[in-house]
PDB file of all heavy atoms in Angstrom:
ATOM      1  N   ARG A   1     -14.995  -1.943  -1.489  1.00  0.00           N
ATOM      2  CA  ARG A   1     -14.915  -3.414  -1.414  1.00  0.00           C
ATOM      3  C   ARG A   1     -13.645  -3.916  -2.125  1.00  0.00           C
ATOM      4  O   ARG A   1     -13.681  -4.879  -2.902  1.00  0.00           O
ATOM      5  CB  ARG A   1     -16.158  -4.057  -2.050  1.00  0.00           C
ATOM      6  CG  ARG A   1     -17.478  -3.686  -1.381  1.00  0.00           C
ATOM      7  CD  ARG A   1     -17.601  -4.312  -0.004  1.00  0.00           C
ATOM      8  NE  ARG A   1     -18.942  -4.245   0.536  1.00  0.00           N
ATOM      9  CZ  ARG A   1     -19.402  -3.269   1.327  1.00  0.00           C
ATOM     10  NH1 ARG A   1     -18.595  -2.266   1.643  1.00  0.00           N
ATOM     11  NH2 ARG A   1     -20.626  -3.299   1.788  1.00  0.00           N
ATOM     12  N   GLU A   2     -12.547  -3.253  -1.855  1.00  0.00           N
ATOM     13  CA  GLU A   2     -11.324  -3.501  -2.626  1.00  0.00           C
ATOM     14  C   GLU A   2     -10.752  -4.898  -2.456  1.00  0.00           C
ATOM     15  O   GLU A   2     -10.328  -5.528  -3.430  1.00  0.00           O
ATOM     16  CB  GLU A   2     -10.268  -2.445  -2.255  1.00  0.00           C
ATOM     17  CG  GLU A   2     -10.643  -1.049  -2.714  1.00  0.00           C
ATOM     18  CD  GLU A   2      -9.654   0.009  -2.240  1.00  0.00           C
ATOM     19  OE1 GLU A   2      -8.437  -0.290  -2.179  1.00  0.00           O
ATOM     20  OE2 GLU A   2     -10.086   1.126  -1.940  1.00  0.00           O
ATOM     21  N   LEU A   3     -10.731  -5.405  -1.242  1.00  0.00           N
ATOM     22  CA  LEU A   3     -10.139  -6.728  -1.028  1.00  0.00           C
ATOM     23  C   LEU A   3     -11.033  -7.837  -1.573  1.00  0.00           C
ATOM     24  O   LEU A   3     -10.534  -8.834  -2.104  1.00  0.00           O
ATOM     25  CB  LEU A   3      -9.840  -6.942   0.451  1.00  0.00           C
ATOM     26  CG  LEU A   3      -8.740  -6.033   1.024  1.00  0.00           C
ATOM     27  CD1 LEU A   3      -8.522  -6.312   2.499  1.00  0.00           C
ATOM     28  CD2 LEU A   3      -7.431  -6.207   0.263  1.00  0.00           C
ATOM     29  N   ASP A   4     -12.342  -7.669  -1.460  1.00  0.00           N
ATOM     30  CA  ASP A   4     -13.261  -8.651  -2.047  1.00  0.00           C
ATOM     31  C   ASP A   4     -13.097  -8.680  -3.566  1.00  0.00           C
ATOM     32  O   ASP A   4     -13.075  -9.755  -4.188  1.00  0.00           O
ATOM     33  CB  ASP A   4     -14.711  -8.300  -1.701  1.00  0.00           C
ATOM     34  CG  ASP A   4     -15.024  -8.488  -0.225  1.00  0.00           C
ATOM     35  OD1 ASP A   4     -14.276  -9.219   0.447  1.00  0.00           O
ATOM     36  OD2 ASP A   4     -16.004  -7.879   0.258  1.00  0.00           O
ATOM     37  N   ALA A   5     -12.988  -7.493  -4.160  1.00  0.00           N
ATOM     38  CA  ALA A   5     -12.830  -7.409  -5.614  1.00  0.00           C
ATOM     39  C   ALA A   5     -11.519  -8.046  -6.053  1.00  0.00           C
ATOM     40  O   ALA A   5     -11.473  -8.777  -7.056  1.00  0.00           O
ATOM     41  CB  ALA A   5     -12.878  -5.942  -6.059  1.00  0.00           C
ATOM     42  N   LEU A   6     -10.461  -7.800  -5.301  1.00  0.00           N
ATOM     43  CA  LEU A   6      -9.156  -8.358  -5.658  1.00  0.00           C
ATOM     44  C   LEU A   6      -9.159  -9.875  -5.570  1.00  0.00           C
ATOM     45  O   LEU A   6      -8.645 -10.565  -6.463  1.00  0.00           O
ATOM     46  CB  LEU A   6      -8.077  -7.782  -4.743  1.00  0.00           C
ATOM     47  CG  LEU A   6      -6.650  -8.312  -4.950  1.00  0.00           C
ATOM     48  CD1 LEU A   6      -6.173  -8.060  -6.371  1.00  0.00           C
ATOM     49  CD2 LEU A   6      -5.694  -7.663  -3.945  1.00  0.00           C
ATOM     50  N   SER A   7      -9.757 -10.421  -4.526  1.00  0.00           N
ATOM     51  CA  SER A   7      -9.781 -11.864  -4.333  1.00  0.00           C
ATOM     52  C   SER A   7     -10.492 -12.575  -5.482  1.00  0.00           C
ATOM     53  O   SER A   7      -9.971 -13.539  -6.055  1.00  0.00           O
ATOM     54  CB  SER A   7     -10.460 -12.212  -3.007  1.00  0.00           C
ATOM     55  OG  SER A   7     -10.486 -13.606  -2.813  1.00  0.00           O
ATOM     56  N   SER A   8     -11.667 -12.091  -5.837  1.00  0.00           N
ATOM     57  CA  SER A   8     -12.416 -12.738  -6.921  1.00  0.00           C
ATOM     58  C   SER A   8     -11.738 -12.537  -8.270  1.00  0.00           C
ATOM     59  O   SER A   8     -11.755 -13.418  -9.129  1.00  0.00           O
ATOM     60  CB  SER A   8     -13.855 -12.201  -6.971  1.00  0.00           C
ATOM     61  OG  SER A   8     -13.877 -10.823  -7.271  1.00  0.00           O
ATOM     62  N   THR A   9     -11.105 -11.378  -8.439  1.00  0.00           N
ATOM     63  CA  THR A   9     -10.415 -11.089  -9.702  1.00  0.00           C
ATOM     64  C   THR A   9      -9.251 -12.036  -9.928  1.00  0.00           C
ATOM     65  O   THR A   9      -9.018 -12.505 -11.056  1.00  0.00           O
ATOM     66  CB  THR A   9      -9.911  -9.637  -9.720  1.00  0.00           C
ATOM     67  OG1 THR A   9     -11.019  -8.756  -9.559  1.00  0.00           O
ATOM     68  CG2 THR A   9      -9.198  -9.322 -11.030  1.00  0.00           C
ATOM     69  N   LEU A  10      -8.496 -12.330  -8.872  1.00  0.00           N
ATOM     70  CA  LEU A  10      -7.352 -13.227  -9.005  1.00  0.00           C
ATOM     71  C   LEU A  10      -7.788 -14.586  -9.551  1.00  0.00           C
ATOM     72  O   LEU A  10      -7.186 -15.118 -10.498  1.00  0.00           O
ATOM     73  CB  LEU A  10      -6.651 -13.387  -7.661  1.00  0.00           C
ATOM     74  CG  LEU A  10      -5.834 -12.179  -7.192  1.00  0.00           C
ATOM     75  CD1 LEU A  10      -5.453 -12.326  -5.718  1.00  0.00           C
ATOM     76  CD2 LEU A  10      -4.587 -11.998  -8.050  1.00  0.00           C
ATOM     77  N   ASP A  11      -8.841 -15.142  -8.976  1.00  0.00           N
ATOM     78  CA  ASP A  11      -9.303 -16.462  -9.420  1.00  0.00           C
ATOM     79  C   ASP A  11      -9.859 -16.414 -10.842  1.00  0.00           C
ATOM     80  O   ASP A  11      -9.584 -17.302 -11.661  1.00  0.00           O
ATOM     81  CB  ASP A  11     -10.365 -16.994  -8.462  1.00  0.00           C
ATOM     82  CG  ASP A  11      -9.777 -17.360  -7.103  1.00  0.00           C
ATOM     83  OD1 ASP A  11      -8.579 -17.686  -7.041  1.00  0.00           O
ATOM     84  OD2 ASP A  11     -10.510 -17.293  -6.098  1.00  0.00           O
ATOM     85  N   ASP A  12     -10.640 -15.381 -11.136  1.00  0.00           N
ATOM     86  CA  ASP A  12     -11.237 -15.288 -12.468  1.00  0.00           C
ATOM     87  C   ASP A  12     -10.183 -14.997 -13.535  1.00  0.00           C
ATOM     88  O   ASP A  12     -10.260 -15.505 -14.660  1.00  0.00           O
ATOM     89  CB  ASP A  12     -12.322 -14.209 -12.487  1.00  0.00           C
ATOM     90  CG  ASP A  12     -13.587 -14.650 -11.771  1.00  0.00           C
ATOM     91  OD1 ASP A  12     -13.709 -15.855 -11.480  1.00  0.00           O
ATOM     92  OD2 ASP A  12     -14.448 -13.791 -11.491  1.00  0.00           O
ATOM     93  N   ALA A  13      -9.198 -14.175 -13.178  1.00  0.00           N
ATOM     94  CA  ALA A  13      -8.127 -13.868 -14.125  1.00  0.00           C
ATOM     95  C   ALA A  13      -7.327 -15.120 -14.455  1.00  0.00           C
ATOM     96  O   ALA A  13      -6.962 -15.351 -15.612  1.00  0.00           O
ATOM     97  CB  ALA A  13      -7.215 -12.783 -13.569  1.00  0.00           C
ATOM     98  N   PHE A  14      -7.067 -15.936 -13.441  1.00  0.00           N
ATOM     99  CA  PHE A  14      -6.337 -17.185 -13.675  1.00  0.00           C
ATOM    100  C   PHE A  14      -7.094 -18.073 -14.651  1.00  0.00           C
ATOM    101  O   PHE A  14      -6.502 -18.701 -15.537  1.00  0.00           O
ATOM    102  CB  PHE A  14      -6.106 -17.925 -12.362  1.00  0.00           C
ATOM    103  CG  PHE A  14      -5.351 -19.216 -12.511  1.00  0.00           C
ATOM    104  CD1 PHE A  14      -3.966 -19.235 -12.492  1.00  0.00           C
ATOM    105  CD2 PHE A  14      -6.033 -20.415 -12.712  1.00  0.00           C
ATOM    106  CE1 PHE A  14      -3.263 -20.424 -12.656  1.00  0.00           C
ATOM    107  CE2 PHE A  14      -5.339 -21.614 -12.881  1.00  0.00           C
ATOM    108  CZ  PHE A  14      -3.956 -21.614 -12.851  1.00  0.00           C
ATOM    109  N   SER A  15      -8.417 -18.110 -14.507  1.00  0.00           N
ATOM    110  CA  SER A  15      -9.225 -19.007 -15.344  1.00  0.00           C
ATOM    111  C   SER A  15      -9.243 -18.581 -16.804  1.00  0.00           C
ATOM    112  O   SER A  15      -9.425 -19.421 -17.694  1.00  0.00           O
ATOM    113  CB  SER A  15     -10.658 -19.094 -14.804  1.00  0.00           C
ATOM    114  OG  SER A  15     -11.363 -17.883 -15.030  1.00  0.00           O
ATOM    115  N   VAL A  16      -9.063 -17.282 -17.084  1.00  0.00           N
ATOM    116  CA  VAL A  16      -9.089 -16.825 -18.481  1.00  0.00           C
ATOM    117  C   VAL A  16      -7.687 -16.535 -19.017  1.00  0.00           C
ATOM    118  O   VAL A  16      -7.537 -16.084 -20.158  1.00  0.00           O
ATOM    119  CB  VAL A  16      -9.972 -15.560 -18.646  1.00  0.00           C
ATOM    120  CG1 VAL A  16     -11.411 -15.880 -18.295  1.00  0.00           C
ATOM    121  CG2 VAL A  16      -9.445 -14.388 -17.820  1.00  0.00           C
ATOM    122  N   LEU A  17      -6.664 -16.828 -18.220  1.00  0.00           N
ATOM    123  CA  LEU A  17      -5.285 -16.579 -18.636  1.00  0.00           C
ATOM    124  C   LEU A  17      -4.765 -17.741 -19.476  1.00  0.00           C
ATOM    125  O   LEU A  17      -4.862 -18.906 -19.082  1.00  0.00           O
ATOM    126  CB  LEU A  17      -4.402 -16.382 -17.406  1.00  0.00           C
ATOM    127  CG  LEU A  17      -2.971 -15.881 -17.630  1.00  0.00           C
ATOM    128  CD1 LEU A  17      -2.990 -14.435 -18.148  1.00  0.00           C
ATOM    129  CD2 LEU A  17      -2.166 -15.964 -16.331  1.00  0.00           C
ATOM    130  N   ALA A  18      -4.199 -17.435 -20.613  1.00  0.00           N
ATOM    131  CA  ALA A  18      -3.643 -18.465 -21.495  1.00  0.00           C
ATOM    132  C   ALA A  18      -2.323 -18.989 -20.941  1.00  0.00           C
ATOM    133  O   ALA A  18      -1.641 -18.291 -20.182  1.00  0.00           O
ATOM    134  CB  ALA A  18      -3.422 -17.882 -22.884  1.00  0.00           C
ATOM    135  N   PRO A  19      -1.956 -20.225 -21.285  1.00  0.00           N
ATOM    136  CA  PRO A  19      -0.633 -20.728 -20.883  1.00  0.00           C
ATOM    137  C   PRO A  19       0.462 -19.767 -21.363  1.00  0.00           C
ATOM    138  O   PRO A  19       0.435 -19.296 -22.502  1.00  0.00           O
ATOM    139  CB  PRO A  19      -0.549 -22.078 -21.602  1.00  0.00           C
ATOM    140  CG  PRO A  19      -1.975 -22.504 -21.753  1.00  0.00           C
ATOM    141  CD  PRO A  19      -2.740 -21.236 -22.007  1.00  0.00           C
ATOM    142  N   GLY A  20       1.405 -19.482 -20.486  1.00  0.00           N
ATOM    143  CA  GLY A  20       2.447 -18.518 -20.809  1.00  0.00           C
ATOM    144  C   GLY A  20       2.059 -17.086 -20.494  1.00  0.00           C
ATOM    145  O   GLY A  20       2.896 -16.171 -20.549  1.00  0.00           O
ATOM    146  N   GLY A  21       0.778 -16.887 -20.179  1.00  0.00           N
ATOM    147  CA  GLY A  21       0.295 -15.549 -19.839  1.00  0.00           C
ATOM    148  C   GLY A  21       0.759 -15.110 -18.465  1.00  0.00           C
ATOM    149  O   GLY A  21       1.101 -15.930 -17.616  1.00  0.00           O
ATOM    150  N   ARG A  22       0.760 -13.805 -18.243  1.00  0.00           N
ATOM    151  CA  ARG A  22       1.243 -13.262 -16.971  1.00  0.00           C
ATOM    152  C   ARG A  22       0.224 -12.337 -16.308  1.00  0.00           C
ATOM    153  O   ARG A  22      -0.523 -11.622 -16.976  1.00  0.00           O
ATOM    154  CB  ARG A  22       2.553 -12.499 -17.181  1.00  0.00           C
ATOM    155  CG  ARG A  22       3.740 -13.398 -17.518  1.00  0.00           C
ATOM    156  CD  ARG A  22       5.022 -12.591 -17.620  1.00  0.00           C
ATOM    157  NE  ARG A  22       6.188 -13.450 -17.844  1.00  0.00           N
ATOM    158  CZ  ARG A  22       7.428 -13.006 -17.925  1.00  0.00           C
ATOM    159  NH1 ARG A  22       7.668 -11.706 -17.787  1.00  0.00           N
ATOM    160  NH2 ARG A  22       8.439 -13.845 -18.129  1.00  0.00           N
ATOM    161  N   ILE A  23       0.239 -12.373 -14.982  1.00  0.00           N
ATOM    162  CA  ILE A  23      -0.523 -11.429 -14.177  1.00  0.00           C
ATOM    163  C   ILE A  23       0.496 -10.576 -13.435  1.00  0.00           C
ATOM    164  O   ILE A  23       1.361 -11.100 -12.722  1.00  0.00           O
ATOM    165  CB  ILE A  23      -1.441 -12.148 -13.169  1.00  0.00           C
ATOM    166  CG1 ILE A  23      -2.483 -13.004 -13.897  1.00  0.00           C
ATOM    167  CG2 ILE A  23      -2.139 -11.141 -12.254  1.00  0.00           C
ATOM    168  CD1 ILE A  23      -3.332 -13.864 -12.978  1.00  0.00           C
ATOM    169  N   ALA A  24       0.409  -9.263 -13.596  1.00  0.00           N
ATOM    170  CA  ALA A  24       1.315  -8.327 -12.924  1.00  0.00           C
ATOM    171  C   ALA A  24       0.482  -7.375 -12.073  1.00  0.00           C
ATOM    172  O   ALA A  24      -0.421  -6.707 -12.594  1.00  0.00           O
ATOM    173  CB  ALA A  24       2.129  -7.549 -13.950  1.00  0.00           C
ATOM    174  N   ILE A  25       0.764  -7.340 -10.776  1.00  0.00           N
ATOM    175  CA  ILE A  25      -0.045  -6.544  -9.852  1.00  0.00           C
ATOM    176  C   ILE A  25       0.850  -5.655  -9.001  1.00  0.00           C
ATOM    177  O   ILE A  25       1.780  -6.126  -8.339  1.00  0.00           O
ATOM    178  CB  ILE A  25      -0.914  -7.435  -8.953  1.00  0.00           C
ATOM    179  CG1 ILE A  25      -1.822  -8.330  -9.817  1.00  0.00           C
ATOM    180  CG2 ILE A  25      -1.750  -6.584  -8.000  1.00  0.00           C
ATOM    181  CD1 ILE A  25      -2.749  -9.225  -9.020  1.00  0.00           C
ATOM    182  N   ILE A  26       0.537  -4.364  -9.005  1.00  0.00           N
ATOM    183  CA  ILE A  26       1.238  -3.401  -8.159  1.00  0.00           C
ATOM    184  C   ILE A  26       0.372  -3.151  -6.931  1.00  0.00           C
ATOM    185  O   ILE A  26      -0.769  -2.688  -7.050  1.00  0.00           O
ATOM    186  CB  ILE A  26       1.493  -2.082  -8.904  1.00  0.00           C
ATOM    187  CG1 ILE A  26       2.305  -2.335 -10.176  1.00  0.00           C
ATOM    188  CG2 ILE A  26       2.226  -1.091  -7.996  1.00  0.00           C
ATOM    189  CD1 ILE A  26       2.392  -1.131 -11.102  1.00  0.00           C
ATOM    190  N   THR A  27       0.905  -3.483  -5.763  1.00  0.00           N
ATOM    191  CA  THR A  27       0.175  -3.304  -4.505  1.00  0.00           C
ATOM    192  C   THR A  27       0.758  -2.126  -3.717  1.00  0.00           C
ATOM    193  O   THR A  27       1.903  -1.733  -3.931  1.00  0.00           O
ATOM    194  CB  THR A  27       0.234  -4.568  -3.635  1.00  0.00           C
ATOM    195  OG1 THR A  27       1.602  -4.785  -3.221  1.00  0.00           O
ATOM    196  CG2 THR A  27      -0.258  -5.782  -4.392  1.00  0.00           C
ATOM    197  N   PHE A  28      -0.052  -1.616  -2.769  1.00  0.00           N
ATOM    198  CA  PHE A  28       0.381  -0.436  -2.015  1.00  0.00           C
ATOM    199  C   PHE A  28       0.245  -0.579  -0.507  1.00  0.00           C
ATOM    200  O   PHE A  28       0.612   0.341   0.225  1.00  0.00           O
ATOM    201  CB  PHE A  28      -0.391   0.806  -2.491  1.00  0.00           C
ATOM    202  CG  PHE A  28       0.046   1.282  -3.836  1.00  0.00           C
ATOM    203  CD1 PHE A  28      -0.525   0.773  -4.987  1.00  0.00           C
ATOM    204  CD2 PHE A  28       1.053   2.214  -3.968  1.00  0.00           C
ATOM    205  CE1 PHE A  28      -0.117   1.187  -6.246  1.00  0.00           C
ATOM    206  CE2 PHE A  28       1.481   2.644  -5.216  1.00  0.00           C
ATOM    207  CZ  PHE A  28       0.886   2.125  -6.354  1.00  0.00           C
ATOM    208  N   HIS A  29      -0.299  -1.689  -0.039  1.00  0.00           N
ATOM    209  CA  HIS A  29      -0.315  -1.913   1.410  1.00  0.00           C
ATOM    210  C   HIS A  29      -0.274  -3.411   1.682  1.00  0.00           C
ATOM    211  O   HIS A  29      -0.498  -4.236   0.791  1.00  0.00           O
ATOM    212  CB  HIS A  29      -1.507  -1.235   2.091  1.00  0.00           C
ATOM    213  CG  HIS A  29      -2.854  -1.671   1.596  1.00  0.00           C
ATOM    214  ND1 HIS A  29      -3.423  -2.876   1.934  1.00  0.00           N
ATOM    215  CD2 HIS A  29      -3.750  -1.057   0.788  1.00  0.00           C
ATOM    216  CE1 HIS A  29      -4.608  -2.982   1.370  1.00  0.00           C
ATOM    217  NE2 HIS A  29      -4.830  -1.899   0.665  1.00  0.00           N
ATOM    218  N   SER A  30       0.024  -3.751   2.912  1.00  0.00           N
ATOM    219  CA  SER A  30       0.333  -5.142   3.265  1.00  0.00           C
ATOM    220  C   SER A  30      -0.834  -6.088   3.054  1.00  0.00           C
ATOM    221  O   SER A  30      -0.632  -7.259   2.723  1.00  0.00           O
ATOM    222  CB  SER A  30       0.799  -5.218   4.728  1.00  0.00           C
ATOM    223  OG  SER A  30      -0.206  -4.742   5.600  1.00  0.00           O
ATOM    224  N   LEU A  31      -2.071  -5.620   3.211  1.00  0.00           N
ATOM    225  CA  LEU A  31      -3.225  -6.511   3.089  1.00  0.00           C
ATOM    226  C   LEU A  31      -3.378  -7.037   1.664  1.00  0.00           C
ATOM    227  O   LEU A  31      -3.526  -8.241   1.446  1.00  0.00           O
ATOM    228  CB  LEU A  31      -4.506  -5.787   3.523  1.00  0.00           C
ATOM    229  CG  LEU A  31      -4.581  -5.369   4.990  1.00  0.00           C
ATOM    230  CD1 LEU A  31      -5.832  -4.532   5.224  1.00  0.00           C
ATOM    231  CD2 LEU A  31      -4.591  -6.594   5.900  1.00  0.00           C
ATOM    232  N   GLU A  32      -3.342  -6.119   0.693  1.00  0.00           N
ATOM    233  CA  GLU A  32      -3.485  -6.578  -0.697  1.00  0.00           C
ATOM    234  C   GLU A  32      -2.227  -7.301  -1.162  1.00  0.00           C
ATOM    235  O   GLU A  32      -2.309  -8.291  -1.906  1.00  0.00           O
ATOM    236  CB  GLU A  32      -3.828  -5.400  -1.623  1.00  0.00           C
ATOM    237  CG  GLU A  32      -2.817  -4.277  -1.640  1.00  0.00           C
ATOM    238  CD  GLU A  32      -3.340  -3.030  -2.308  1.00  0.00           C
ATOM    239  OE1 GLU A  32      -4.580  -2.909  -2.513  1.00  0.00           O
ATOM    240  OE2 GLU A  32      -2.520  -2.131  -2.619  1.00  0.00           O
ATOM    241  N   ASP A  33      -1.057  -6.859  -0.699  1.00  0.00           N
ATOM    242  CA  ASP A  33       0.186  -7.523  -1.093  1.00  0.00           C
ATOM    243  C   ASP A  33       0.217  -8.959  -0.576  1.00  0.00           C
ATOM    244  O   ASP A  33       0.620  -9.881  -1.283  1.00  0.00           O
ATOM    245  CB  ASP A  33       1.391  -6.745  -0.568  1.00  0.00           C
ATOM    246  CG  ASP A  33       2.698  -7.312  -1.092  1.00  0.00           C
ATOM    247  OD1 ASP A  33       2.870  -7.367  -2.322  1.00  0.00           O
ATOM    248  OD2 ASP A  33       3.548  -7.712  -0.277  1.00  0.00           O
ATOM    249  N   ARG A  34      -0.227  -9.146   0.653  1.00  0.00           N
ATOM    250  CA  ARG A  34      -0.264 -10.484   1.243  1.00  0.00           C
ATOM    251  C   ARG A  34      -1.218 -11.390   0.472  1.00  0.00           C
ATOM    252  O   ARG A  34      -0.920 -12.558   0.214  1.00  0.00           O
ATOM    253  CB  ARG A  34      -0.688 -10.395   2.711  1.00  0.00           C
ATOM    254  CG  ARG A  34      -0.494 -11.685   3.516  1.00  0.00           C
ATOM    255  CD  ARG A  34      -0.933 -11.483   4.959  1.00  0.00           C
ATOM    256  NE  ARG A  34      -0.284 -10.316   5.549  1.00  0.00           N
ATOM    257  CZ  ARG A  34      -0.931  -9.354   6.206  1.00  0.00           C
ATOM    258  NH1 ARG A  34      -2.241  -9.407   6.358  1.00  0.00           N
ATOM    259  NH2 ARG A  34      -0.266  -8.342   6.717  1.00  0.00           N
ATOM    260  N   MET A  35      -2.378 -10.857   0.105  1.00  0.00           N
ATOM    261  CA  MET A  35      -3.352 -11.647  -0.647  1.00  0.00           C
ATOM    262  C   MET A  35      -2.784 -12.083  -1.990  1.00  0.00           C
ATOM    263  O   MET A  35      -2.902 -13.259  -2.382  1.00  0.00           O
ATOM    264  CB  MET A  35      -4.639 -10.840  -0.870  1.00  0.00           C
ATOM    265  CG  MET A  35      -5.690 -11.594  -1.661  1.00  0.00           C
ATOM    266  SD  MET A  35      -7.173 -10.606  -1.987  1.00  0.00           S
ATOM    267  CE  MET A  35      -7.884 -10.511  -0.338  1.00  0.00           C
ATOM    268  N   VAL A  36      -2.153 -11.165  -2.706  1.00  0.00           N
ATOM    269  CA  VAL A  36      -1.574 -11.487  -4.012  1.00  0.00           C
ATOM    270  C   VAL A  36      -0.463 -12.513  -3.861  1.00  0.00           C
ATOM    271  O   VAL A  36      -0.410 -13.519  -4.591  1.00  0.00           O
ATOM    272  CB  VAL A  36      -1.047 -10.213  -4.703  1.00  0.00           C
ATOM    273  CG1 VAL A  36      -0.265 -10.560  -5.962  1.00  0.00           C
ATOM    274  CG2 VAL A  36      -2.197  -9.275  -5.030  1.00  0.00           C
ATOM    275  N   LYS A  37       0.423 -12.307  -2.897  1.00  0.00           N
ATOM    276  CA  LYS A  37       1.546 -13.217  -2.676  1.00  0.00           C
ATOM    277  C   LYS A  37       1.064 -14.624  -2.347  1.00  0.00           C
ATOM    278  O   LYS A  37       1.551 -15.619  -2.904  1.00  0.00           O
ATOM    279  CB  LYS A  37       2.426 -12.687  -1.545  1.00  0.00           C
ATOM    280  CG  LYS A  37       3.645 -13.545  -1.246  1.00  0.00           C
ATOM    281  CD  LYS A  37       4.455 -12.947  -0.105  1.00  0.00           C
ATOM    282  CE  LYS A  37       5.665 -13.813   0.234  1.00  0.00           C
ATOM    283  NZ  LYS A  37       6.454 -13.248   1.357  1.00  0.00           N
ATOM    284  N   GLU A  38       0.087 -14.713  -1.448  1.00  0.00           N
ATOM    285  CA  GLU A  38      -0.415 -16.026  -1.036  1.00  0.00           C
ATOM    286  C   GLU A  38      -1.118 -16.746  -2.177  1.00  0.00           C
ATOM    287  O   GLU A  38      -0.974 -17.962  -2.340  1.00  0.00           O
ATOM    288  CB  GLU A  38      -1.348 -15.875   0.170  1.00  0.00           C
ATOM    289  CG  GLU A  38      -0.609 -15.493   1.446  1.00  0.00           C
ATOM    290  CD  GLU A  38      -1.541 -15.265   2.623  1.00  0.00           C
ATOM    291  OE1 GLU A  38      -2.783 -15.265   2.413  1.00  0.00           O
ATOM    292  OE2 GLU A  38      -1.037 -15.074   3.746  1.00  0.00           O
ATOM    293  N   ARG A  39      -1.897 -16.016  -2.992  1.00  0.00           N
ATOM    294  CA  ARG A  39      -2.610 -16.650  -4.104  1.00  0.00           C
ATOM    295  C   ARG A  39      -1.617 -17.128  -5.163  1.00  0.00           C
ATOM    296  O   ARG A  39      -1.750 -18.234  -5.691  1.00  0.00           O
ATOM    297  CB  ARG A  39      -3.612 -15.674  -4.717  1.00  0.00           C
ATOM    298  CG  ARG A  39      -4.691 -16.346  -5.577  1.00  0.00           C
ATOM    299  CD  ARG A  39      -5.613 -17.224  -4.728  1.00  0.00           C
ATOM    300  NE  ARG A  39      -6.217 -16.496  -3.665  1.00  0.00           N
ATOM    301  CZ  ARG A  39      -7.339 -15.769  -3.741  1.00  0.00           C
ATOM    302  NH1 ARG A  39      -7.991 -15.693  -4.885  1.00  0.00           N
ATOM    303  NH2 ARG A  39      -7.818 -15.152  -2.688  1.00  0.00           N
ATOM    304  N   PHE A  40      -0.625 -16.315  -5.457  1.00  0.00           N
ATOM    305  CA  PHE A  40       0.394 -16.729  -6.416  1.00  0.00           C
ATOM    306  C   PHE A  40       1.124 -17.983  -5.921  1.00  0.00           C
ATOM    307  O   PHE A  40       1.357 -18.926  -6.684  1.00  0.00           O
ATOM    308  CB  PHE A  40       1.413 -15.608  -6.630  1.00  0.00           C
ATOM    309  CG  PHE A  40       0.936 -14.474  -7.519  1.00  0.00           C
ATOM    310  CD1 PHE A  40      -0.364 -14.432  -7.997  1.00  0.00           C
ATOM    311  CD2 PHE A  40       1.804 -13.443  -7.878  1.00  0.00           C
ATOM    312  CE1 PHE A  40      -0.804 -13.390  -8.809  1.00  0.00           C
ATOM    313  CE2 PHE A  40       1.384 -12.408  -8.689  1.00  0.00           C
ATOM    314  CZ  PHE A  40       0.088 -12.375  -9.155  1.00  0.00           C
ATOM    315  N   ASN A  41       1.482 -17.980  -4.621  1.00  0.00           N
ATOM    316  CA  ASN A  41       2.184 -19.141  -4.055  1.00  0.00           C
ATOM    317  C   ASN A  41       1.323 -20.393  -4.082  1.00  0.00           C
ATOM    318  O   ASN A  41       1.825 -21.510  -4.309  1.00  0.00           O
ATOM    319  CB  ASN A  41       2.624 -18.845  -2.620  1.00  0.00           C
ATOM    320  CG  ASN A  41       3.786 -17.875  -2.558  1.00  0.00           C
ATOM    321  OD1 ASN A  41       4.492 -17.679  -3.540  1.00  0.00           O
ATOM    322  ND2 ASN A  41       3.993 -17.255  -1.405  1.00  0.00           N
ATOM    323  N   GLU A  42       0.031 -20.218  -3.868  1.00  0.00           N
ATOM    324  CA  GLU A  42      -0.905 -21.354  -3.908  1.00  0.00           C
ATOM    325  C   GLU A  42      -0.930 -21.979  -5.289  1.00  0.00           C
ATOM    326  O   GLU A  42      -0.939 -23.209  -5.435  1.00  0.00           O
ATOM    327  CB  GLU A  42      -2.303 -20.853  -3.524  1.00  0.00           C
ATOM    328  CG  GLU A  42      -3.383 -21.915  -3.488  1.00  0.00           C
ATOM    329  CD  GLU A  42      -4.736 -21.329  -3.147  1.00  0.00           C
ATOM    330  OE1 GLU A  42      -4.801 -20.422  -2.287  1.00  0.00           O
ATOM    331  OE2 GLU A  42      -5.723 -21.761  -3.763  1.00  0.00           O
TER     332      GLU A  42
END
């Protein structure tokens, strides 16, 4: 359930991230890379 886990993690990580904090994600295929890119852009 990798894509489901990634999607929920992005939102939850943002909610617990302090101002100035960073999220760094290494992706390996277009599906997860696209999800990360789109969420960051949003």
